[in-house]
């Protein structure tokens, strides 16, 4: 299960997703990219299904 937390970069909020507590390269993004992800969630799901 993933570990999700919030962080901050230069005063901007960030969402951080790790595979484990030891994950050295977590997936992290800010509000602008989070909005893009939400707007395109169906396309992302189709991509995963296509290549899974």
N, C-alpha and C. Protein backbone atom coordinates (compact mmCIF):
# COMPACT_ATOMS: atom_id res chain seq x y z
N UNK A 1 0.84 -1.18 0.00
CA UNK A 1 0.00 0.00 0.00
C UNK A 1 0.88 1.24 0.00
N UNK A 2 0.46 2.24 -0.71
CA UNK A 2 1.22 3.48 -0.83
C UNK A 2 1.13 4.33 0.44
N UNK A 3 2.12 5.17 0.61
CA UNK A 3 2.15 6.12 1.71
C UNK A 3 1.96 7.51 1.10
N UNK A 4 0.93 8.20 1.52
CA UNK A 4 0.60 9.52 0.98
C UNK A 4 0.75 10.56 2.08
N UNK A 5 1.44 11.65 1.74
CA UNK A 5 1.60 12.74 2.71
C UNK A 5 1.63 14.07 1.95
N UNK A 6 1.58 15.13 2.69
CA UNK A 6 1.70 16.47 2.11
C UNK A 6 3.05 17.05 2.50
N UNK A 7 3.56 17.89 1.61
CA UNK A 7 4.83 18.55 1.84
C UNK A 7 4.70 19.97 1.30
N UNK A 8 5.83 20.65 1.25
CA UNK A 8 5.84 22.02 0.75
C UNK A 8 7.13 22.26 -0.02
N UNK A 9 7.03 22.99 -1.12
CA UNK A 9 8.20 23.34 -1.91
C UNK A 9 8.11 24.82 -2.26
N UNK A 10 9.03 25.59 -1.77
CA UNK A 10 9.06 27.04 -2.01
C UNK A 10 7.71 27.69 -1.68
N UNK A 11 7.12 27.26 -0.58
CA UNK A 11 5.86 27.84 -0.13
C UNK A 11 4.63 27.28 -0.79
N UNK A 12 4.78 26.31 -1.70
CA UNK A 12 3.64 25.73 -2.40
C UNK A 12 3.35 24.33 -1.87
N UNK A 13 2.07 23.98 -1.73
CA UNK A 13 1.73 22.65 -1.23
C UNK A 13 2.05 21.57 -2.26
N UNK A 14 2.51 20.42 -1.76
CA UNK A 14 2.86 19.28 -2.61
C UNK A 14 2.20 18.04 -2.04
N UNK A 15 1.81 17.11 -2.92
CA UNK A 15 1.33 15.81 -2.51
C UNK A 15 2.45 14.83 -2.82
N UNK A 16 2.79 13.98 -1.86
CA UNK A 16 3.91 13.04 -1.98
C UNK A 16 3.37 11.62 -1.83
N UNK A 17 3.65 10.78 -2.84
CA UNK A 17 3.20 9.39 -2.81
C UNK A 17 4.43 8.49 -2.88
N UNK A 18 4.57 7.61 -1.87
CA UNK A 18 5.71 6.70 -1.80
C UNK A 18 5.23 5.26 -1.87
N UNK A 19 6.06 4.38 -2.47
CA UNK A 19 5.77 2.95 -2.47
C UNK A 19 6.03 2.34 -1.10
N UNK A 20 7.00 2.90 -0.38
CA UNK A 20 7.34 2.44 0.96
C UNK A 20 8.00 3.60 1.69
N UNK A 21 8.21 3.43 2.98
CA UNK A 21 8.85 4.49 3.77
C UNK A 21 10.28 4.75 3.30
N UNK A 22 10.92 3.72 2.72
CA UNK A 22 12.31 3.84 2.26
C UNK A 22 12.42 4.36 0.82
N UNK A 23 11.30 4.63 0.15
CA UNK A 23 11.30 5.09 -1.24
C UNK A 23 12.13 6.36 -1.39
N UNK A 24 13.20 6.29 -2.16
CA UNK A 24 14.10 7.44 -2.34
C UNK A 24 13.59 8.43 -3.38
N UNK A 25 12.73 7.97 -4.29
CA UNK A 25 12.25 8.82 -5.37
C UNK A 25 10.72 8.79 -5.42
N UNK A 26 10.06 9.46 -4.48
CA UNK A 26 8.60 9.44 -4.45
C UNK A 26 8.00 10.23 -5.62
N UNK A 27 6.75 9.93 -5.92
CA UNK A 27 5.99 10.65 -6.92
C UNK A 27 5.40 11.86 -6.20
N UNK A 28 5.76 13.05 -6.65
CA UNK A 28 5.25 14.24 -5.97
C UNK A 28 4.87 15.30 -6.98
N UNK A 29 3.82 16.05 -6.63
CA UNK A 29 3.31 17.07 -7.54
C UNK A 29 2.53 18.11 -6.74
N UNK A 30 2.36 19.25 -7.37
CA UNK A 30 1.65 20.34 -6.74
C UNK A 30 0.22 20.46 -7.22
N UNK A 31 -0.41 21.53 -6.84
CA UNK A 31 -1.83 21.74 -7.12
C UNK A 31 -2.13 21.80 -8.62
N UNK A 32 -1.29 22.47 -9.39
CA UNK A 32 -1.52 22.60 -10.83
C UNK A 32 -1.55 21.23 -11.52
N UNK A 33 -0.57 20.38 -11.19
CA UNK A 33 -0.54 19.04 -11.79
C UNK A 33 -1.64 18.16 -11.22
N UNK A 34 -2.00 18.35 -9.96
CA UNK A 34 -3.09 17.58 -9.37
C UNK A 34 -4.39 17.85 -10.12
N UNK A 35 -4.63 19.10 -10.47
CA UNK A 35 -5.83 19.46 -11.24
C UNK A 35 -5.80 18.80 -12.62
N UNK A 36 -4.63 18.78 -13.26
CA UNK A 36 -4.50 18.12 -14.57
C UNK A 36 -4.80 16.63 -14.46
N UNK A 37 -4.29 16.01 -13.41
CA UNK A 37 -4.54 14.58 -13.20
C UNK A 37 -6.04 14.33 -13.05
N UNK A 38 -6.71 15.13 -12.23
CA UNK A 38 -8.15 14.94 -12.02
C UNK A 38 -8.94 15.16 -13.31
N UNK A 39 -8.55 16.13 -14.10
CA UNK A 39 -9.23 16.40 -15.37
C UNK A 39 -9.05 15.27 -16.37
N UNK A 40 -7.98 14.49 -16.20
CA UNK A 40 -7.66 13.44 -17.16
C UNK A 40 -7.65 12.04 -16.56
N UNK A 41 -8.35 11.86 -15.45
CA UNK A 41 -8.30 10.58 -14.74
C UNK A 41 -8.78 9.43 -15.61
N UNK A 42 -9.78 9.63 -16.44
CA UNK A 42 -10.27 8.55 -17.30
C UNK A 42 -9.22 8.16 -18.34
N UNK A 43 -8.51 9.13 -18.89
CA UNK A 43 -7.43 8.83 -19.85
C UNK A 43 -6.31 8.07 -19.17
N UNK A 44 -6.02 8.42 -17.93
CA UNK A 44 -4.97 7.72 -17.17
C UNK A 44 -5.40 6.28 -16.92
N UNK A 45 -6.65 6.06 -16.54
CA UNK A 45 -7.15 4.71 -16.32
C UNK A 45 -7.07 3.88 -17.59
N UNK A 46 -7.45 4.46 -18.73
CA UNK A 46 -7.38 3.75 -20.01
C UNK A 46 -5.94 3.39 -20.36
N UNK A 47 -5.03 4.28 -20.09
CA UNK A 47 -3.60 4.03 -20.34
C UNK A 47 -3.11 2.84 -19.53
N UNK A 48 -3.45 2.82 -18.25
CA UNK A 48 -3.04 1.73 -17.36
C UNK A 48 -3.63 0.41 -17.85
N UNK A 49 -4.92 0.41 -18.17
CA UNK A 49 -5.57 -0.81 -18.65
C UNK A 49 -4.94 -1.32 -19.94
N UNK A 50 -4.57 -0.41 -20.82
CA UNK A 50 -4.00 -0.78 -22.12
C UNK A 50 -2.64 -1.46 -21.96
N UNK A 51 -1.82 -0.99 -21.02
CA UNK A 51 -0.46 -1.49 -20.91
C UNK A 51 -0.21 -2.37 -19.68
N UNK A 52 -1.25 -2.69 -18.95
CA UNK A 52 -1.07 -3.50 -17.75
C UNK A 52 -0.88 -4.96 -18.08
